[in-house]
Amino acid sequence: MKHLLTLFVVGIVIYGVEPATFFIPVEYDENDQPFVRYKNTEYPLVGETLTFEDENGCTVQLSLNRPSEEELLKKSGYVQGSVLCLPVFQ
């Protein structure tokens, strides 16, 4: 019975999780430095993953990898991001 209850709770949590992945186009400033803009905030591409909680309590990850040489020359590229929202039980 204990295992059944555990499976039930895990099922509810998994069912209520709302994950999403997305791509953000890379922009370049006046000094040709690459950055991305997410929800009106600019993030420089520093080669690491940024993890933070947004205004809705969701966990956001932005992979701030620098563009390839070709992307730098063409002033193009994309950064991958993900968001994970857990259910709120009231």
PDB file of N, CA and C in Angstrom:
ATOM      1  N   MET A   1       0.824  -1.190   0.000  1.00  0.00           N
ATOM      2  CA  MET A   1       0.000   0.000   0.000  1.00  0.00           C
ATOM      3  C   MET A   1       0.872   1.259   0.000  1.00  0.00           C
ATOM      4  N   LYS A   2       1.972   1.202   0.768  1.00  0.00           N
ATOM      5  CA  LYS A   2       2.874   2.347   0.832  1.00  0.00           C
ATOM      6  C   LYS A   2       3.471   2.640  -0.546  1.00  0.00           C
ATOM      7  N   HIS A   3       3.848   1.591  -1.280  1.00  0.00           N
ATOM      8  CA  HIS A   3       4.426   1.760  -2.612  1.00  0.00           C
ATOM      9  C   HIS A   3       3.396   2.307  -3.595  1.00  0.00           C
ATOM     10  N   LEU A   4       2.163   1.891  -3.445  1.00  0.00           N
ATOM     11  CA  LEU A   4       1.094   2.381  -4.311  1.00  0.00           C
ATOM     12  C   LEU A   4       0.883   3.880  -4.107  1.00  0.00           C
ATOM     13  N   LEU A   5       0.907   4.325  -2.863  1.00  0.00           N
ATOM     14  CA  LEU A   5       0.757   5.746  -2.560  1.00  0.00           C
ATOM     15  C   LEU A   5       1.938   6.543  -3.128  1.00  0.00           C
ATOM     16  N   THR A   6       3.137   5.995  -2.988  1.00  0.00           N
ATOM     17  CA  THR A   6       4.319   6.659  -3.540  1.00  0.00           C
ATOM     18  C   THR A   6       4.205   6.800  -5.050  1.00  0.00           C
ATOM     19  N   LEU A   7       3.805   5.747  -5.737  1.00  0.00           N
ATOM     20  CA  LEU A   7       3.629   5.804  -7.185  1.00  0.00           C
ATOM     21  C   LEU A   7       2.559   6.811  -7.572  1.00  0.00           C
ATOM     22  N   PHE A   8       1.504   6.903  -6.797  1.00  0.00           N
ATOM     23  CA  PHE A   8       0.429   7.855  -7.063  1.00  0.00           C
ATOM     24  C   PHE A   8       0.945   9.290  -6.964  1.00  0.00           C
ATOM     25  N   VAL A   9       1.688   9.589  -5.908  1.00  0.00           N
ATOM     26  CA  VAL A   9       2.231  10.935  -5.709  1.00  0.00           C
ATOM     27  C   VAL A   9       3.228  11.273  -6.815  1.00  0.00           C
ATOM     28  N   VAL A  10       4.115  10.347  -7.148  1.00  0.00           N
ATOM     29  CA  VAL A  10       5.081  10.571  -8.224  1.00  0.00           C
ATOM     30  C   VAL A  10       4.351  10.804  -9.542  1.00  0.00           C
ATOM     31  N   GLY A  11       3.309  10.060  -9.794  1.00  0.00           N
ATOM     32  CA  GLY A  11       2.516  10.240 -11.012  1.00  0.00           C
ATOM     33  C   GLY A  11       1.882  11.609 -11.094  1.00  0.00           C
ATOM     34  N   ILE A  12       1.373  12.112  -9.987  1.00  0.00           N
ATOM     35  CA  ILE A  12       0.766  13.448  -9.969  1.00  0.00           C
ATOM     36  C   ILE A  12       1.818  14.512 -10.254  1.00  0.00           C
ATOM     37  N   VAL A  13       2.974  14.387  -9.633  1.00  0.00           N
ATOM     38  CA  VAL A  13       4.042  15.368  -9.841  1.00  0.00           C
ATOM     39  C   VAL A  13       4.507  15.344 -11.296  1.00  0.00           C
ATOM     40  N   ILE A  14       4.747  14.160 -11.846  1.00  0.00           N
ATOM     41  CA  ILE A  14       5.192  14.053 -13.231  1.00  0.00           C
ATOM     42  C   ILE A  14       4.127  14.580 -14.179  1.00  0.00           C
ATOM     43  N   TYR A  15       2.889  14.274 -13.928  1.00  0.00           N
ATOM     44  CA  TYR A  15       1.799  14.723 -14.791  1.00  0.00           C
ATOM     45  C   TYR A  15       1.691  16.242 -14.786  1.00  0.00           C
ATOM     46  N   GLY A  16       1.948  16.867 -13.664  1.00  0.00           N
ATOM     47  CA  GLY A  16       1.790  18.311 -13.544  1.00  0.00           C
ATOM     48  C   GLY A  16       2.988  19.123 -13.993  1.00  0.00           C
ATOM     49  N   VAL A  17       4.112  18.473 -14.284  1.00  0.00           N
ATOM     50  CA  VAL A  17       5.313  19.185 -14.710  1.00  0.00           C
ATOM     51  C   VAL A  17       5.113  19.686 -16.141  1.00  0.00           C
ATOM     52  N   GLU A  18       5.507  20.934 -16.384  1.00  0.00           N
ATOM     53  CA  GLU A  18       5.377  21.525 -17.710  1.00  0.00           C
ATOM     54  C   GLU A  18       6.756  21.914 -18.234  1.00  0.00           C
ATOM     55  N   PRO A  19       7.426  21.005 -18.968  1.00  0.00           N
ATOM     56  CA  PRO A  19       8.734  21.346 -19.522  1.00  0.00           C
ATOM     57  C   PRO A  19       8.603  21.913 -20.937  1.00  0.00           C
ATOM     58  N   ALA A  20       9.563  22.714 -21.339  1.00  0.00           N
ATOM     59  CA  ALA A  20       9.614  23.227 -22.708  1.00  0.00           C
ATOM     60  C   ALA A  20      11.060  23.555 -23.054  1.00  0.00           C
ATOM     61  N   THR A  21      11.408  23.372 -24.309  1.00  0.00           N
ATOM     62  CA  THR A  21      12.709  23.805 -24.810  1.00  0.00           C
ATOM     63  C   THR A  21      12.476  24.818 -25.923  1.00  0.00           C
ATOM     64  N   PHE A  22      13.452  25.662 -26.139  1.00  0.00           N
ATOM     65  CA  PHE A  22      13.299  26.711 -27.136  1.00  0.00           C
ATOM     66  C   PHE A  22      14.672  27.172 -27.605  1.00  0.00           C
ATOM     67  N   PHE A  23      14.685  27.931 -28.687  1.00  0.00           N
ATOM     68  CA  PHE A  23      15.910  28.518 -29.220  1.00  0.00           C
ATOM     69  C   PHE A  23      15.742  30.026 -29.282  1.00  0.00           C
ATOM     70  N   ILE A  24      16.802  30.749 -28.939  1.00  0.00           N
ATOM     71  CA  ILE A  24      16.804  32.210 -28.970  1.00  0.00           C
ATOM     72  C   ILE A  24      17.865  32.646 -29.982  1.00  0.00           C
ATOM     73  N   PRO A  25      17.520  33.532 -30.913  1.00  0.00           N
ATOM     74  CA  PRO A  25      18.533  33.996 -31.866  1.00  0.00           C
ATOM     75  C   PRO A  25      19.597  34.856 -31.181  1.00  0.00           C
ATOM     76  N   VAL A  26      20.828  34.672 -31.610  1.00  0.00           N
ATOM     77  CA  VAL A  26      21.944  35.455 -31.084  1.00  0.00           C
ATOM     78  C   VAL A  26      21.917  36.835 -31.737  1.00  0.00           C
ATOM     79  N   GLU A  27      22.142  37.859 -30.929  1.00  0.00           N
ATOM     80  CA  GLU A  27      22.259  39.229 -31.425  1.00  0.00           C
ATOM     81  C   GLU A  27      23.692  39.692 -31.166  1.00  0.00           C
ATOM     82  N   TYR A  28      24.070  40.777 -31.822  1.00  0.00           N
ATOM     83  CA  TYR A  28      25.427  41.302 -31.677  1.00  0.00           C
ATOM     84  C   TYR A  28      25.345  42.785 -31.342  1.00  0.00           C
ATOM     85  N   ASP A  29      26.143  43.209 -30.351  1.00  0.00           N
ATOM     86  CA  ASP A  29      26.128  44.624 -29.966  1.00  0.00           C
ATOM     87  C   ASP A  29      27.024  45.441 -30.898  1.00  0.00           C
ATOM     88  N   GLU A  30      27.178  46.717 -30.607  1.00  0.00           N
ATOM     89  CA  GLU A  30      27.957  47.617 -31.465  1.00  0.00           C
ATOM     90  C   GLU A  30      29.435  47.247 -31.534  1.00  0.00           C
ATOM     91  N   ASN A  31      29.911  46.431 -30.582  1.00  0.00           N
ATOM     92  CA  ASN A  31      31.300  45.952 -30.582  1.00  0.00           C
ATOM     93  C   ASN A  31      31.414  44.528 -31.119  1.00  0.00           C
ATOM     94  N   ASP A  32      30.347  44.053 -31.765  1.00  0.00           N
ATOM     95  CA  ASP A  32      30.266  42.695 -32.322  1.00  0.00           C
ATOM     96  C   ASP A  32      30.349  41.607 -31.255  1.00  0.00           C
ATOM     97  N   GLN A  33      29.987  41.925 -30.022  1.00  0.00           N
ATOM     98  CA  GLN A  33      29.943  40.930 -28.953  1.00  0.00           C
ATOM     99  C   GLN A  33      28.575  40.243 -28.974  1.00  0.00           C
ATOM    100  N   PRO A  34      28.550  38.901 -28.981  1.00  0.00           N
ATOM    101  CA  PRO A  34      27.278  38.188 -29.053  1.00  0.00           C
ATOM    102  C   PRO A  34      26.553  38.166 -27.705  1.00  0.00           C
ATOM    103  N   PHE A  35      25.228  38.232 -27.779  1.00  0.00           N
ATOM    104  CA  PHE A  35      24.385  38.135 -26.593  1.00  0.00           C
ATOM    105  C   PHE A  35      23.012  37.630 -27.020  1.00  0.00           C
ATOM    106  N   VAL A  36      22.223  37.213 -26.048  1.00  0.00           N
ATOM    107  CA  VAL A  36      20.823  36.863 -26.303  1.00  0.00           C
ATOM    108  C   VAL A  36      19.951  37.700 -25.385  1.00  0.00           C
ATOM    109  N   ARG A  37      18.737  37.880 -25.827  1.00  0.00           N
ATOM    110  CA  ARG A  37      17.763  38.634 -25.050  1.00  0.00           C
ATOM    111  C   ARG A  37      16.642  37.658 -24.667  1.00  0.00           C
ATOM    112  N   TYR A  38      16.417  37.523 -23.347  1.00  0.00           N
ATOM    113  CA  TYR A  38      15.344  36.661 -22.843  1.00  0.00           C
ATOM    114  C   TYR A  38      14.507  37.476 -21.872  1.00  0.00           C
ATOM    115  N   LYS A  39      13.243  37.642 -22.195  1.00  0.00           N
ATOM    116  CA  LYS A  39      12.301  38.419 -21.378  1.00  0.00           C
ATOM    117  C   LYS A  39      12.874  39.787 -21.016  1.00  0.00           C
ATOM    118  N   ASN A  40      13.298  40.512 -22.032  1.00  0.00           N
ATOM    119  CA  ASN A  40      13.792  41.890 -21.911  1.00  0.00           C
ATOM    120  C   ASN A  40      15.096  42.041 -21.122  1.00  0.00           C
ATOM    121  N   THR A  41      15.808  40.954 -20.900  1.00  0.00           N
ATOM    122  CA  THR A  41      17.116  41.022 -20.245  1.00  0.00           C
ATOM    123  C   THR A  41      18.165  40.483 -21.211  1.00  0.00           C
ATOM    124  N   GLU A  42      19.281  41.177 -21.319  1.00  0.00           N
ATOM    125  CA  GLU A  42      20.369  40.745 -22.191  1.00  0.00           C
ATOM    126  C   GLU A  42      21.375  39.903 -21.410  1.00  0.00           C
ATOM    127  N   TYR A  43      21.790  38.787 -22.027  1.00  0.00           N
ATOM    128  CA  TYR A  43      22.764  37.883 -21.419  1.00  0.00           C
ATOM    129  C   TYR A  43      23.936  37.707 -22.382  1.00  0.00           C
ATOM    130  N   PRO A  44      25.161  38.062 -21.977  1.00  0.00           N
ATOM    131  CA  PRO A  44      26.325  37.851 -22.848  1.00  0.00           C
ATOM    132  C   PRO A  44      26.625  36.360 -22.965  1.00  0.00           C
ATOM    133  N   LEU A  45      27.134  35.968 -24.114  1.00  0.00           N
ATOM    134  CA  LEU A  45      27.465  34.559 -24.335  1.00  0.00           C
ATOM    135  C   LEU A  45      28.860  34.290 -23.790  1.00  0.00           C
ATOM    136  N   VAL A  46      28.893  33.724 -22.592  1.00  0.00           N
ATOM    137  CA  VAL A  46      30.144  33.540 -21.847  1.00  0.00           C
ATOM    138  C   VAL A  46      30.610  32.092 -21.790  1.00  0.00           C
ATOM    139  N   GLY A  47      29.906  31.187 -22.482  1.00  0.00           N
ATOM    140  CA  GLY A  47      30.355  29.807 -22.553  1.00  0.00           C
ATOM    141  C   GLY A  47      29.933  28.925 -21.400  1.00  0.00           C
ATOM    142  N   GLU A  48      28.895  29.288 -20.684  1.00  0.00           N
ATOM    143  CA  GLU A  48      28.424  28.448 -19.578  1.00  0.00           C
ATOM    144  C   GLU A  48      26.900  28.425 -19.564  1.00  0.00           C
ATOM    145  N   THR A  49      26.349  27.573 -18.746  1.00  0.00           N
ATOM    146  CA  THR A  49      24.899  27.472 -18.612  1.00  0.00           C
ATOM    147  C   THR A  49      24.443  28.319 -17.436  1.00  0.00           C
ATOM    148  N   LEU A  50      23.437  29.126 -17.682  1.00  0.00           N
ATOM    149  CA  LEU A  50      22.855  29.978 -16.650  1.00  0.00           C
ATOM    150  C   LEU A  50      21.537  29.357 -16.212  1.00  0.00           C
ATOM    151  N   THR A  51      21.362  29.165 -14.906  1.00  0.00           N
ATOM    152  CA  THR A  51      20.126  28.618 -14.356  1.00  0.00           C
ATOM    153  C   THR A  51      19.566  29.611 -13.354  1.00  0.00           C
ATOM    154  N   PHE A  52      18.262  29.907 -13.492  1.00  0.00           N
ATOM    155  CA  PHE A  52      17.618  30.834 -12.568  1.00  0.00           C
ATOM    156  C   PHE A  52      16.124  30.550 -12.505  1.00  0.00           C
ATOM    157  N   GLU A  53      15.475  31.152 -11.528  1.00  0.00           N
ATOM    158  CA  GLU A  53      14.028  31.013 -11.365  1.00  0.00           C
ATOM    159  C   GLU A  53      13.370  32.277 -11.897  1.00  0.00           C
ATOM    160  N   ASP A  54      12.351  32.108 -12.754  1.00  0.00           N
ATOM    161  CA  ASP A  54      11.685  33.281 -13.320  1.00  0.00           C
ATOM    162  C   ASP A  54      10.569  33.775 -12.408  1.00  0.00           C
ATOM    163  N   GLU A  55       9.854  34.789 -12.866  1.00  0.00           N
ATOM    164  CA  GLU A  55       8.806  35.423 -12.056  1.00  0.00           C
ATOM    165  C   GLU A  55       7.634  34.497 -11.751  1.00  0.00           C
ATOM    166  N   ASN A  56       7.507  33.390 -12.498  1.00  0.00           N
ATOM    167  CA  ASN A  56       6.431  32.428 -12.259  1.00  0.00           C
ATOM    168  C   ASN A  56       6.871  31.250 -11.399  1.00  0.00           C
ATOM    169  N   GLY A  57       8.110  31.268 -10.936  1.00  0.00           N
ATOM    170  CA  GLY A  57       8.626  30.174 -10.126  1.00  0.00           C
ATOM    171  C   GLY A  57       9.126  29.002 -10.953  1.00  0.00           C
ATOM    172  N   CYS A  58       9.272  29.196 -12.252  1.00  0.00           N
ATOM    173  CA  CYS A  58       9.769  28.143 -13.139  1.00  0.00           C
ATOM    174  C   CYS A  58      11.296  28.208 -13.199  1.00  0.00           C
ATOM    175  N   THR A  59      11.924  27.061 -13.377  1.00  0.00           N
ATOM    176  CA  THR A  59      13.369  26.996 -13.515  1.00  0.00           C
ATOM    177  C   THR A  59      13.728  27.164 -14.985  1.00  0.00           C
ATOM    178  N   VAL A  60      14.559  28.147 -15.268  1.00  0.00           N
ATOM    179  CA  VAL A  60      14.976  28.450 -16.637  1.00  0.00           C
ATOM    180  C   VAL A  60      16.462  28.159 -16.772  1.00  0.00           C
ATOM    181  N   GLN A  61      16.842  27.516 -17.877  1.00  0.00           N
ATOM    182  CA  GLN A  61      18.254  27.287 -18.189  1.00  0.00           C
ATOM    183  C   GLN A  61      18.539  27.857 -19.567  1.00  0.00           C
ATOM    184  N   LEU A  62      19.592  28.642 -19.660  1.00  0.00           N
ATOM    185  CA  LEU A  62      20.059  29.170 -20.937  1.00  0.00           C
ATOM    186  C   LEU A  62      21.486  28.687 -21.155  1.00  0.00           C
ATOM    187  N   SER A  63      21.726  28.027 -22.283  1.00  0.00           N
ATOM    188  CA  SER A  63      23.077  27.568 -22.621  1.00  0.00           C
ATOM    189  C   SER A  63      23.787  28.699 -23.339  1.00  0.00           C
ATOM    190  N   LEU A  64      24.588  29.440 -22.621  1.00  0.00           N
ATOM    191  CA  LEU A  64      25.213  30.647 -23.154  1.00  0.00           C
ATOM    192  C   LEU A  64      26.544  30.343 -23.839  1.00  0.00           C
ATOM    193  N   ASN A  65      26.520  29.336 -24.726  1.00  0.00           N
ATOM    194  CA  ASN A  65      27.724  28.970 -25.470  1.00  0.00           C
ATOM    195  C   ASN A  65      28.013  30.009 -26.541  1.00  0.00           C
ATOM    196  N   ARG A  66      29.281  30.271 -26.742  1.00  0.00           N
ATOM    197  CA  ARG A  66      29.676  31.239 -27.767  1.00  0.00           C
ATOM    198  C   ARG A  66      29.398  30.667 -29.157  1.00  0.00           C
ATOM    199  N   PRO A  67      29.060  31.524 -30.102  1.00  0.00           N
ATOM    200  CA  PRO A  67      28.817  31.063 -31.472  1.00  0.00           C
ATOM    201  C   PRO A  67      30.087  30.483 -32.095  1.00  0.00           C
ATOM    202  N   SER A  68      29.896  29.648 -33.113  1.00  0.00           N
ATOM    203  CA  SER A  68      31.035  29.099 -33.851  1.00  0.00           C
ATOM    204  C   SER A  68      31.692  30.223 -34.660  1.00  0.00           C
ATOM    205  N   GLU A  69      32.865  29.942 -35.194  1.00  0.00           N
ATOM    206  CA  GLU A  69      33.568  30.937 -36.019  1.00  0.00           C
ATOM    207  C   GLU A  69      32.701  31.367 -37.201  1.00  0.00           C
ATOM    208  N   GLU A  70      32.052  30.401 -37.821  1.00  0.00           N
ATOM    209  CA  GLU A  70      31.184  30.705 -38.969  1.00  0.00           C
ATOM    210  C   GLU A  70      30.016  31.601 -38.552  1.00  0.00           C
ATOM    211  N   GLU A  71      29.406  31.281 -37.407  1.00  0.00           N
ATOM    212  CA  GLU A  71      28.295  32.107 -36.916  1.00  0.00           C
ATOM    213  C   GLU A  71      28.766  33.518 -36.562  1.00  0.00           C
ATOM    214  N   LEU A  72      29.964  33.626 -35.992  1.00  0.00           N
ATOM    215  CA  LEU A  72      30.512  34.950 -35.675  1.00  0.00           C
ATOM    216  C   LEU A  72      30.710  35.777 -36.944  1.00  0.00           C
ATOM    217  N   LEU A  73      31.235  35.140 -37.994  1.00  0.00           N
ATOM    218  CA  LEU A  73      31.449  35.846 -39.258  1.00  0.00           C
ATOM    219  C   LEU A  73      30.131  36.291 -39.890  1.00  0.00           C
ATOM    220  N   LYS A  74      29.117  35.431 -39.791  1.00  0.00           N
ATOM    221  CA  LYS A  74      27.813  35.735 -40.396  1.00  0.00           C
ATOM    222  C   LYS A  74      26.898  36.516 -39.450  1.00  0.00           C
ATOM    223  N   LYS A  75      27.377  36.720 -38.227  1.00  0.00           N
ATOM    224  CA  LYS A  75      26.555  37.362 -37.187  1.00  0.00           C
ATOM    225  C   LYS A  75      25.197  36.665 -37.073  1.00  0.00           C
ATOM    226  N   SER A  76      25.278  35.370 -36.842  1.00  0.00           N
ATOM    227  CA  SER A  76      24.072  34.550 -36.721  1.00  0.00           C
ATOM    228  C   SER A  76      24.239  33.608 -35.538  1.00  0.00           C
ATOM    229  N   GLY A  77      23.347  32.654 -35.422  1.00  0.00           N
ATOM    230  CA  GLY A  77      23.425  31.640 -34.385  1.00  0.00           C
ATOM    231  C   GLY A  77      22.207  31.632 -33.477  1.00  0.00           C
ATOM    232  N   TYR A  78      22.107  30.569 -32.719  1.00  0.00           N
ATOM    233  CA  TYR A  78      21.007  30.393 -31.774  1.00  0.00           C
ATOM    234  C   TYR A  78      21.548  29.822 -30.478  1.00  0.00           C
ATOM    235  N   VAL A  79      20.860  30.108 -29.406  1.00  0.00           N
ATOM    236  CA  VAL A  79      21.168  29.569 -28.082  1.00  0.00           C
ATOM    237  C   VAL A  79      19.975  28.738 -27.647  1.00  0.00           C
ATOM    238  N   GLN A  80      20.253  27.578 -27.043  1.00  0.00           N
ATOM    239  CA  GLN A  80      19.177  26.719 -26.565  1.00  0.00           C
ATOM    240  C   GLN A  80      18.815  27.086 -25.136  1.00  0.00           C
ATOM    241  N   GLY A  81      17.535  27.013 -24.854  1.00  0.00           N
ATOM    242  CA  GLY A  81      17.042  27.254 -23.507  1.00  0.00           C
ATOM    243  C   GLY A  81      15.990  26.231 -23.136  1.00  0.00           C
ATOM    244  N   SER A  82      15.716  26.134 -21.862  1.00  0.00           N
ATOM    245  CA  SER A  82      14.647  25.251 -21.396  1.00  0.00           C
ATOM    246  C   SER A  82      13.994  25.876 -20.172  1.00  0.00           C
ATOM    247  N   VAL A  83      12.754  25.504 -19.978  1.00  0.00           N
ATOM    248  CA  VAL A  83      12.016  25.983 -18.810  1.00  0.00           C
ATOM    249  C   VAL A  83      11.256  24.795 -18.234  1.00  0.00           C
ATOM    250  N   LEU A  84      11.240  24.701 -16.914  1.00  0.00           N
ATOM    251  CA  LEU A  84      10.568  23.614 -16.216  1.00  0.00           C
ATOM    252  C   LEU A  84       9.711  24.219 -15.118  1.00  0.00           C
ATOM    253  N   CYS A  85       8.410  24.022 -15.246  1.00  0.00           N
ATOM    254  CA  CYS A  85       7.470  24.556 -14.259  1.00  0.00           C
ATOM    255  C   CYS A  85       6.842  23.397 -13.497  1.00  0.00           C
ATOM    256  N   LEU A  86       7.021  23.390 -12.200  1.00  0.00           N
ATOM    257  CA  LEU A  86       6.428  22.364 -11.355  1.00  0.00           C
ATOM    258  C   LEU A  86       5.027  22.791 -10.949  1.00  0.00           C
ATOM    259  N   PRO A  87       4.160  21.826 -10.704  1.00  0.00           N
ATOM    260  CA  PRO A  87       2.793  22.182 -10.312  1.00  0.00           C
ATOM    261  C   PRO A  87       2.756  22.851  -8.943  1.00  0.00           C
ATOM    262  N   VAL A  88       1.809  23.736  -8.787  1.00  0.00           N
ATOM    263  CA  VAL A  88       1.603  24.413  -7.505  1.00  0.00           C
ATOM    264  C   VAL A  88       0.326  23.854  -6.903  1.00  0.00           C
ATOM    265  N   PHE A  89       0.454  23.199  -5.768  1.00  0.00           N
ATOM    266  CA  PHE A  89      -0.711  22.627  -5.089  1.00  0.00           C
ATOM    267  C   PHE A  89      -1.164  23.581  -3.999  1.00  0.00           C
ATOM    268  N   GLN A  90      -2.425  23.942  -4.048  1.00  0.00           N
ATOM    269  CA  GLN A  90      -2.951  24.873  -3.046  1.00  0.00           C
ATOM    270  C   GLN A  90      -4.023  24.208  -2.225  1.00  0.00           C
TER     271      GLN A  90
END
